[in-house]
Amino acid sequence: MSDNPVPPAPFPPVGEGKRGTEGYLGYLLRQAATAYRQRVEKALADLGVTAPQFTVLTMLHAYPGLSGADLARTALVTPQTVSVILANLERAGLITRTPHAQHGRILMAALSPAGERLLALARARVHALDPVLKDDLSAPEEAVVRRWLARVAQMPG
């Protein structure tokens, strides 16, 4: 055992070393997604809406009548998580749930008028984050990034 241990390498700040352009793409993608989610959470905090709740409200607005299983897939959360989110949104009066016409055990969710109003406020705040994301991108570069992100999401597991 040495009397002079080697000190650990300094932990680089975000954007440098392995946390920057030298890092693995998967790590950088997750780091970027986490940073974006934190900005979304901060933008929505005083509305009492979390990022996953915002996503569920957004998906219900875009695709009314989705089941919990469908919502879990589109909102990128587990069925258990979406179940909790839906219960909380229903308790808050932001959604309504009705039995499916053919499959009575399946509950179809839709935004209530209060949910529509809250979503409009939340969307304005979240959409205000977009210009910062593309500050350094030309329109063609943004198109490349969009295609790449969509392609990554489509890759088989």
N, C-alpha and C. Protein backbone atom coordinates (compact mmCIF):
# COMPACT_ATOMS: atom_id res chain seq x y z
N MET A 1 0.85 -1.18 0.00
CA MET A 1 0.00 0.00 0.00
C MET A 1 0.89 1.23 0.00
N SER A 2 0.52 2.19 -0.82
CA SER A 2 1.33 3.39 -0.99
C SER A 2 0.93 4.45 0.02
N ASP A 3 1.93 5.22 0.46
CA ASP A 3 1.65 6.33 1.36
C ASP A 3 1.10 7.54 0.61
N ASN A 4 1.26 7.56 -0.69
CA ASN A 4 0.79 8.67 -1.52
C ASN A 4 -0.25 8.17 -2.52
N PRO A 5 -1.49 8.00 -2.05
CA PRO A 5 -2.51 7.50 -2.99
C PRO A 5 -2.74 8.52 -4.11
N VAL A 6 -3.08 8.01 -5.27
CA VAL A 6 -3.38 8.86 -6.41
C VAL A 6 -4.76 9.48 -6.19
N PRO A 7 -4.84 10.79 -6.25
CA PRO A 7 -6.16 11.41 -6.05
C PRO A 7 -7.07 11.08 -7.22
N PRO A 8 -8.37 11.02 -6.96
CA PRO A 8 -9.29 10.71 -8.06
C PRO A 8 -9.26 11.82 -9.10
N ALA A 9 -9.57 11.45 -10.33
CA ALA A 9 -9.64 12.45 -11.39
C ALA A 9 -10.74 13.46 -11.05
N PRO A 10 -10.52 14.72 -11.38
CA PRO A 10 -11.55 15.71 -11.06
C PRO A 10 -12.83 15.42 -11.84
N PHE A 11 -13.93 15.63 -11.18
CA PHE A 11 -15.25 15.40 -11.78
C PHE A 11 -15.56 16.59 -12.68
N PRO A 12 -15.70 16.36 -14.01
CA PRO A 12 -15.90 17.50 -14.91
C PRO A 12 -17.32 18.06 -14.82
N PRO A 13 -17.44 19.34 -15.04
CA PRO A 13 -18.79 19.92 -15.08
C PRO A 13 -19.53 19.46 -16.34
N VAL A 14 -20.84 19.63 -16.35
CA VAL A 14 -21.65 19.29 -17.52
C VAL A 14 -21.07 20.01 -18.73
N GLY A 15 -20.94 19.28 -19.83
CA GLY A 15 -20.43 19.87 -21.05
C GLY A 15 -18.95 19.68 -21.28
N GLU A 16 -18.26 19.08 -20.30
CA GLU A 16 -16.83 18.88 -20.44
C GLU A 16 -16.48 17.40 -20.23
N GLY A 17 -15.35 16.99 -20.80
CA GLY A 17 -14.88 15.61 -20.65
C GLY A 17 -15.93 14.62 -21.11
N LYS A 18 -16.10 13.56 -20.35
CA LYS A 18 -17.10 12.55 -20.69
C LYS A 18 -18.53 13.06 -20.51
N ARG A 19 -18.68 14.22 -19.91
CA ARG A 19 -20.00 14.84 -19.77
C ARG A 19 -20.22 15.86 -20.88
N GLY A 20 -19.31 15.86 -21.86
CA GLY A 20 -19.38 16.75 -23.01
C GLY A 20 -19.23 15.95 -24.29
N THR A 21 -18.63 16.56 -25.29
CA THR A 21 -18.54 15.93 -26.61
C THR A 21 -17.73 14.64 -26.63
N GLU A 22 -16.95 14.39 -25.59
CA GLU A 22 -16.17 13.14 -25.52
C GLU A 22 -16.99 11.99 -24.94
N GLY A 23 -18.18 12.28 -24.43
CA GLY A 23 -18.98 11.25 -23.76
C GLY A 23 -19.70 10.32 -24.71
N TYR A 24 -20.20 9.25 -24.16
CA TYR A 24 -21.00 8.29 -24.92
C TYR A 24 -22.32 8.94 -25.30
N LEU A 25 -22.78 8.68 -26.51
CA LEU A 25 -24.03 9.29 -26.98
C LEU A 25 -25.21 8.99 -26.06
N GLY A 26 -25.32 7.73 -25.62
CA GLY A 26 -26.44 7.37 -24.74
C GLY A 26 -26.43 8.18 -23.46
N TYR A 27 -25.24 8.35 -22.88
CA TYR A 27 -25.13 9.14 -21.65
C TYR A 27 -25.49 10.59 -21.93
N LEU A 28 -24.99 11.14 -23.03
CA LEU A 28 -25.26 12.54 -23.36
C LEU A 28 -26.76 12.76 -23.61
N LEU A 29 -27.39 11.78 -24.24
CA LEU A 29 -28.83 11.87 -24.49
C LEU A 29 -29.60 11.89 -23.17
N ARG A 30 -29.21 11.01 -22.26
CA ARG A 30 -29.87 10.96 -20.95
C ARG A 30 -29.60 12.23 -20.15
N GLN A 31 -28.36 12.71 -20.20
CA GLN A 31 -28.00 13.95 -19.49
C GLN A 31 -28.83 15.12 -20.02
N ALA A 32 -28.98 15.20 -21.34
CA ALA A 32 -29.76 16.29 -21.94
C ALA A 32 -31.23 16.15 -21.56
N ALA A 33 -31.77 14.93 -21.60
CA ALA A 33 -33.18 14.71 -21.25
C ALA A 33 -33.43 15.08 -19.79
N THR A 34 -32.50 14.74 -18.92
CA THR A 34 -32.65 15.06 -17.50
C THR A 34 -32.61 16.57 -17.28
N ALA A 35 -31.69 17.25 -17.95
CA ALA A 35 -31.59 18.70 -17.81
C ALA A 35 -32.87 19.37 -18.32
N TYR A 36 -33.40 18.87 -19.44
CA TYR A 36 -34.63 19.44 -19.99
C TYR A 36 -35.80 19.18 -19.04
N ARG A 37 -35.88 17.97 -18.51
CA ARG A 37 -36.98 17.66 -17.59
C ARG A 37 -36.93 18.57 -16.36
N GLN A 38 -35.73 18.85 -15.85
CA GLN A 38 -35.60 19.75 -14.70
C GLN A 38 -36.11 21.15 -15.05
N ARG A 39 -35.82 21.61 -16.27
CA ARG A 39 -36.32 22.93 -16.70
C ARG A 39 -37.84 22.92 -16.81
N VAL A 40 -38.40 21.82 -17.32
CA VAL A 40 -39.85 21.70 -17.42
C VAL A 40 -40.48 21.70 -16.04
N GLU A 41 -39.91 20.92 -15.12
CA GLU A 41 -40.45 20.86 -13.75
C GLU A 41 -40.44 22.25 -13.11
N LYS A 42 -39.36 22.99 -13.31
CA LYS A 42 -39.26 24.34 -12.75
C LYS A 42 -40.30 25.26 -13.36
N ALA A 43 -40.51 25.16 -14.67
CA ALA A 43 -41.49 26.01 -15.36
C ALA A 43 -42.92 25.72 -14.90
N LEU A 44 -43.18 24.49 -14.50
CA LEU A 44 -44.54 24.08 -14.13
C LEU A 44 -44.80 24.08 -12.63
N ALA A 45 -43.77 24.29 -11.83
CA ALA A 45 -43.87 24.09 -10.38
C ALA A 45 -45.04 24.84 -9.74
N ASP A 46 -45.20 26.12 -10.05
CA ASP A 46 -46.25 26.88 -9.38
C ASP A 46 -47.65 26.55 -9.90
N LEU A 47 -47.73 25.78 -10.99
CA LEU A 47 -49.04 25.32 -11.48
C LEU A 47 -49.46 24.02 -10.79
N GLY A 48 -48.52 23.42 -10.05
CA GLY A 48 -48.83 22.17 -9.36
C GLY A 48 -48.88 20.97 -10.30
N VAL A 49 -48.15 21.05 -11.41
CA VAL A 49 -48.14 19.97 -12.40
C VAL A 49 -46.71 19.46 -12.56
N THR A 50 -46.55 18.15 -12.55
CA THR A 50 -45.23 17.56 -12.78
C THR A 50 -45.03 17.34 -14.28
N ALA A 51 -43.80 17.09 -14.68
CA ALA A 51 -43.52 16.81 -16.09
C ALA A 51 -44.29 15.58 -16.59
N PRO A 52 -44.33 14.47 -15.84
CA PRO A 52 -45.13 13.33 -16.31
C PRO A 52 -46.62 13.65 -16.41
N GLN A 53 -47.15 14.43 -15.46
CA GLN A 53 -48.56 14.82 -15.55
C GLN A 53 -48.79 15.69 -16.79
N PHE A 54 -47.87 16.60 -17.06
CA PHE A 54 -47.97 17.44 -18.25
C PHE A 54 -47.99 16.58 -19.51
N THR A 55 -47.13 15.57 -19.55
CA THR A 55 -47.08 14.69 -20.72
C THR A 55 -48.40 13.95 -20.88
N VAL A 56 -48.95 13.44 -19.80
CA VAL A 56 -50.23 12.73 -19.87
C VAL A 56 -51.34 13.68 -20.33
N LEU A 57 -51.39 14.88 -19.78
CA LEU A 57 -52.40 15.86 -20.22
C LEU A 57 -52.22 16.18 -21.70
N THR A 58 -50.98 16.34 -22.14
CA THR A 58 -50.71 16.64 -23.54
C THR A 58 -51.16 15.50 -24.45
N MET A 59 -50.89 14.27 -24.05
CA MET A 59 -51.30 13.12 -24.87
C MET A 59 -52.82 12.98 -24.91
N LEU A 60 -53.47 13.26 -23.78
CA LEU A 60 -54.94 13.21 -23.77
C LEU A 60 -55.54 14.30 -24.65
N HIS A 61 -54.89 15.45 -24.69
CA HIS A 61 -55.37 16.54 -25.56
C HIS A 61 -55.20 16.14 -27.03
N ALA A 62 -54.06 15.56 -27.36
CA ALA A 62 -53.77 15.17 -28.74
C ALA A 62 -54.57 13.94 -29.18
N TYR A 63 -54.76 13.00 -28.25
CA TYR A 63 -55.41 11.73 -28.56
C TYR A 63 -56.47 11.41 -27.51
N PRO A 64 -57.61 12.11 -27.54
CA PRO A 64 -58.64 11.90 -26.51
C PRO A 64 -59.13 10.45 -26.48
N GLY A 65 -59.46 10.00 -25.29
CA GLY A 65 -60.03 8.67 -25.13
C GLY A 65 -59.02 7.55 -25.01
N LEU A 66 -57.76 7.87 -24.80
CA LEU A 66 -56.76 6.83 -24.64
C LEU A 66 -57.01 6.05 -23.34
N SER A 67 -56.71 4.77 -23.40
CA SER A 67 -56.77 3.96 -22.18
C SER A 67 -55.49 4.19 -21.38
N GLY A 68 -55.47 3.71 -20.16
CA GLY A 68 -54.28 3.83 -19.33
C GLY A 68 -53.06 3.16 -19.96
N ALA A 69 -53.27 2.00 -20.58
CA ALA A 69 -52.15 1.29 -21.23
C ALA A 69 -51.61 2.10 -22.40
N ASP A 70 -52.52 2.67 -23.19
CA ASP A 70 -52.09 3.51 -24.31
C ASP A 70 -51.33 4.74 -23.81
N LEU A 71 -51.85 5.34 -22.76
CA LEU A 71 -51.18 6.52 -22.19
C LEU A 71 -49.79 6.19 -21.67
N ALA A 72 -49.66 5.06 -21.03
CA ALA A 72 -48.35 4.66 -20.51
C ALA A 72 -47.34 4.58 -21.65
N ARG A 73 -47.75 4.00 -22.77
CA ARG A 73 -46.85 3.87 -23.93
C ARG A 73 -46.51 5.24 -24.51
N THR A 74 -47.50 6.11 -24.68
CA THR A 74 -47.24 7.40 -25.32
C THR A 74 -46.57 8.40 -24.39
N ALA A 75 -46.83 8.29 -23.09
CA ALA A 75 -46.23 9.20 -22.12
C ALA A 75 -44.88 8.70 -21.60
N LEU A 76 -44.49 7.50 -22.03
CA LEU A 76 -43.18 6.93 -21.67
C LEU A 76 -43.04 6.68 -20.17
N VAL A 77 -44.11 6.19 -19.57
CA VAL A 77 -44.08 5.82 -18.16
C VAL A 77 -44.66 4.41 -18.02
N THR A 78 -44.50 3.83 -16.85
CA THR A 78 -45.05 2.49 -16.62
C THR A 78 -46.56 2.57 -16.43
N PRO A 79 -47.25 1.45 -16.67
CA PRO A 79 -48.70 1.45 -16.42
C PRO A 79 -49.04 1.81 -14.97
N GLN A 80 -48.19 1.37 -14.02
CA GLN A 80 -48.45 1.70 -12.61
C GLN A 80 -48.35 3.21 -12.39
N THR A 81 -47.34 3.83 -13.00
CA THR A 81 -47.17 5.27 -12.85
C THR A 81 -48.33 6.02 -13.48
N VAL A 82 -48.74 5.61 -14.67
CA VAL A 82 -49.85 6.30 -15.32
C VAL A 82 -51.14 6.14 -14.52
N SER A 83 -51.30 5.00 -13.86
CA SER A 83 -52.48 4.79 -13.02
C SER A 83 -52.53 5.81 -11.88
N VAL A 84 -51.38 6.03 -11.25
CA VAL A 84 -51.30 7.02 -10.17
C VAL A 84 -51.53 8.43 -10.72
N ILE A 85 -50.91 8.73 -11.85
CA ILE A 85 -51.08 10.06 -12.46
C ILE A 85 -52.55 10.30 -12.79
N LEU A 86 -53.21 9.32 -13.41
CA LEU A 86 -54.62 9.49 -13.77
C LEU A 86 -55.49 9.67 -12.54
N ALA A 87 -55.22 8.91 -11.50
CA ALA A 87 -56.01 9.06 -10.26
C ALA A 87 -55.84 10.46 -9.69
N ASN A 88 -54.61 10.96 -9.68
CA ASN A 88 -54.36 12.31 -9.16
C ASN A 88 -55.00 13.38 -10.03
N LEU A 89 -54.92 13.22 -11.35
CA LEU A 89 -55.53 14.20 -12.26
C LEU A 89 -57.06 14.18 -12.14
N GLU A 90 -57.62 12.99 -11.98
CA GLU A 90 -59.07 12.89 -11.82
C GLU A 90 -59.50 13.52 -10.50
N ARG A 91 -58.76 13.25 -9.43
CA ARG A 91 -59.06 13.83 -8.11
C ARG A 91 -59.01 15.35 -8.17
N ALA A 92 -58.09 15.88 -8.97
CA ALA A 92 -57.95 17.33 -9.10
C ALA A 92 -58.97 17.94 -10.07
N GLY A 93 -59.79 17.09 -10.69
CA GLY A 93 -60.81 17.58 -11.61
C GLY A 93 -60.26 17.96 -12.98
N LEU A 94 -59.08 17.46 -13.33
CA LEU A 94 -58.45 17.83 -14.60
C LEU A 94 -58.77 16.86 -15.73
N ILE A 95 -59.24 15.67 -15.37
CA ILE A 95 -59.66 14.69 -16.38
C ILE A 95 -60.96 14.04 -15.93
N THR A 96 -61.62 13.40 -16.89
CA THR A 96 -62.77 12.55 -16.59
C THR A 96 -62.45 11.17 -17.16
N ARG A 97 -63.02 10.15 -16.55
CA ARG A 97 -62.82 8.79 -17.07
C ARG A 97 -64.17 8.12 -17.18
N THR A 98 -64.38 7.48 -18.33
CA THR A 98 -65.64 6.77 -18.58
C THR A 98 -65.32 5.37 -19.08
N PRO A 99 -66.22 4.43 -18.80
CA PRO A 99 -65.97 3.06 -19.27
C PRO A 99 -65.98 2.98 -20.81
N HIS A 100 -65.13 2.15 -21.34
CA HIS A 100 -65.06 1.89 -22.78
C HIS A 100 -66.38 1.27 -23.21
N ALA A 101 -66.86 1.60 -24.41
CA ALA A 101 -68.15 1.12 -24.90
C ALA A 101 -68.23 -0.40 -24.97
N GLN A 102 -67.18 -1.07 -25.44
CA GLN A 102 -67.20 -2.53 -25.57
C GLN A 102 -66.53 -3.25 -24.40
N HIS A 103 -65.56 -2.61 -23.79
CA HIS A 103 -64.80 -3.25 -22.71
C HIS A 103 -64.96 -2.41 -21.44
N GLY A 104 -66.02 -2.66 -20.72
CA GLY A 104 -66.40 -1.85 -19.57
C GLY A 104 -65.34 -1.69 -18.49
N ARG A 105 -64.42 -2.64 -18.41
CA ARG A 105 -63.37 -2.54 -17.38
C ARG A 105 -62.30 -1.54 -17.76
N ILE A 106 -62.20 -1.22 -19.06
CA ILE A 106 -61.22 -0.25 -19.53
C ILE A 106 -61.82 1.15 -19.39
N LEU A 107 -61.09 2.04 -18.70
CA LEU A 107 -61.56 3.41 -18.54
C LEU A 107 -60.86 4.31 -19.55
N MET A 108 -61.66 5.07 -20.28
CA MET A 108 -61.13 6.00 -21.26
C MET A 108 -61.03 7.37 -20.60
N ALA A 109 -59.88 8.01 -20.75
CA ALA A 109 -59.64 9.30 -20.10
C ALA A 109 -59.76 10.44 -21.11
N ALA A 110 -60.24 11.58 -20.62
CA ALA A 110 -60.34 12.79 -21.44
C ALA A 110 -60.13 14.00 -20.53
N LEU A 111 -59.67 15.08 -21.12
CA LEU A 111 -59.47 16.30 -20.33
C LEU A 111 -60.81 16.93 -19.98
N SER A 112 -60.90 17.43 -18.79
CA SER A 112 -62.07 18.22 -18.38
C SER A 112 -61.82 19.66 -18.83
N PRO A 113 -62.82 20.54 -18.75
CA PRO A 113 -62.57 21.94 -19.08
C PRO A 113 -61.45 22.55 -18.23
N ALA A 114 -61.40 22.19 -16.95
CA ALA A 114 -60.31 22.69 -16.08
C ALA A 114 -58.96 22.15 -16.55
N GLY A 115 -58.94 20.89 -17.00
CA GLY A 115 -57.71 20.30 -17.53
C GLY A 115 -57.26 21.00 -18.80
N GLU A 116 -58.20 21.36 -19.66
CA GLU A 116 -57.87 22.10 -20.89
C GLU A 116 -57.25 23.46 -20.54
N ARG A 117 -57.83 24.15 -19.57
CA ARG A 117 -57.31 25.47 -19.18
C ARG A 117 -55.91 25.36 -18.59
N LEU A 118 -55.73 24.39 -17.69
CA LEU A 118 -54.41 24.20 -17.08
C LEU A 118 -53.38 23.80 -18.13
N LEU A 119 -53.77 22.92 -19.03
CA LEU A 119 -52.84 22.49 -20.08
C LEU A 119 -52.43 23.68 -20.95
N ALA A 120 -53.33 24.57 -21.26
CA ALA A 120 -52.99 25.74 -22.07
C ALA A 120 -51.91 26.59 -21.38
N LEU A 121 -52.07 26.79 -20.08
CA LEU A 121 -51.06 27.53 -19.32
C LEU A 121 -49.72 26.80 -19.30
N ALA A 122 -49.79 25.51 -19.04
CA ALA A 122 -48.57 24.70 -18.95
C ALA A 122 -47.86 24.62 -20.30
N ARG A 123 -48.64 24.45 -21.37
CA ARG A 123 -48.03 24.36 -22.71
C ARG A 123 -47.30 25.64 -23.08
N ALA A 124 -47.87 26.77 -22.74
CA ALA A 124 -47.21 28.04 -23.05
C ALA A 124 -45.84 28.10 -22.37
N ARG A 125 -45.77 27.64 -21.14
CA ARG A 125 -44.50 27.67 -20.40
C ARG A 125 -43.50 26.67 -20.97
N VAL A 126 -43.96 25.48 -21.26
CA VAL A 126 -43.05 24.45 -21.77
C VAL A 126 -42.59 24.81 -23.19
N HIS A 127 -43.51 25.29 -24.01
CA HIS A 127 -43.14 25.66 -25.38
C HIS A 127 -42.18 26.85 -25.39
N ALA A 128 -42.21 27.67 -24.36
CA ALA A 128 -41.26 28.79 -24.26
C ALA A 128 -39.83 28.30 -24.06
N LEU A 129 -39.66 27.04 -23.67
CA LEU A 129 -38.32 26.47 -23.50
C LEU A 129 -37.70 26.07 -24.84
N ASP A 130 -38.52 25.85 -25.86
CA ASP A 130 -38.02 25.37 -27.15
C ASP A 130 -37.02 26.29 -27.84
N PRO A 131 -37.25 27.60 -27.90
CA PRO A 131 -36.28 28.44 -28.60
C PRO A 131 -34.86 28.32 -28.05
N VAL A 132 -34.73 28.13 -26.76
CA VAL A 132 -33.41 27.99 -26.15
C VAL A 132 -32.75 26.70 -26.64
N LEU A 133 -33.55 25.65 -26.85
CA LEU A 133 -33.00 24.38 -27.31
C LEU A 133 -32.38 24.49 -28.69
N LYS A 134 -32.92 25.37 -29.50
CA LYS A 134 -32.44 25.46 -30.88
C LYS A 134 -31.69 26.75 -31.18
N ASP A 135 -31.28 27.45 -30.13
CA ASP A 135 -30.52 28.70 -30.29
C ASP A 135 -29.35 28.59 -31.26
N ASP A 136 -28.57 27.54 -31.13
CA ASP A 136 -27.34 27.39 -31.92
C ASP A 136 -27.54 26.56 -33.19
N LEU A 137 -28.79 26.25 -33.52
CA LEU A 137 -29.05 25.39 -34.67
C LEU A 137 -29.66 26.18 -35.82
N SER A 138 -29.15 25.92 -37.02
CA SER A 138 -29.81 26.43 -38.21
C SER A 138 -31.04 25.56 -38.46
N ALA A 139 -31.92 25.98 -39.34
CA ALA A 139 -33.10 25.17 -39.65
C ALA A 139 -32.71 23.79 -40.19
N PRO A 140 -31.73 23.70 -41.10
CA PRO A 140 -31.33 22.36 -41.56
C PRO A 140 -30.73 21.50 -40.44
N GLU A 141 -29.96 22.12 -39.54
CA GLU A 141 -29.40 21.37 -38.42
C GLU A 141 -30.50 20.87 -37.49
N GLU A 142 -31.49 21.72 -37.23
CA GLU A 142 -32.62 21.30 -36.39
C GLU A 142 -33.34 20.12 -37.03
N ALA A 143 -33.51 20.15 -38.35
CA ALA A 143 -34.17 19.04 -39.05
C ALA A 143 -33.37 17.75 -38.88
N VAL A 144 -32.05 17.84 -38.94
CA VAL A 144 -31.20 16.66 -38.75
C VAL A 144 -31.36 16.12 -37.33
N VAL A 145 -31.34 16.99 -36.34
CA VAL A 145 -31.49 16.57 -34.95
C VAL A 145 -32.85 15.90 -34.75
N ARG A 146 -33.91 16.50 -35.30
CA ARG A 146 -35.25 15.93 -35.16
C ARG A 146 -35.33 14.54 -35.78
N ARG A 147 -34.76 14.40 -36.99
CA ARG A 147 -34.77 13.08 -37.65
C ARG A 147 -33.97 12.07 -36.83
N TRP A 148 -32.82 12.50 -36.31
CA TRP A 148 -31.98 11.59 -35.53
C TRP A 148 -32.71 11.14 -34.27
N LEU A 149 -33.31 12.07 -33.55
CA LEU A 149 -34.02 11.71 -32.32
C LEU A 149 -35.18 10.76 -32.61
N ALA A 150 -35.93 11.02 -33.67
CA ALA A 150 -37.03 10.14 -34.04
C ALA A 150 -36.50 8.75 -34.41
N ARG A 151 -35.39 8.71 -35.14
CA ARG A 151 -34.81 7.43 -35.54
C ARG A 151 -34.32 6.66 -34.32
N VAL A 152 -33.68 7.33 -33.39
CA VAL A 152 -33.21 6.67 -32.16
C VAL A 152 -34.40 6.08 -31.41
N ALA A 153 -35.50 6.81 -31.33
CA ALA A 153 -36.70 6.31 -30.63
C ALA A 153 -37.32 5.11 -31.34
N GLN A 154 -37.13 5.01 -32.65
CA GLN A 154 -37.70 3.90 -33.42
C GLN A 154 -36.84 2.65 -33.43
N MET A 155 -35.60 2.77 -32.97
CA MET A 155 -34.69 1.61 -33.01
C MET A 155 -35.26 0.47 -32.18
N PRO A 156 -35.13 -0.75 -32.69
CA PRO A 156 -35.64 -1.90 -31.91
C PRO A 156 -34.87 -2.05 -30.61
N GLY A 157 -35.60 -2.49 -29.59
CA GLY A 157 -35.01 -2.66 -28.26
C GLY A 157 -34.11 -3.80 -28.20
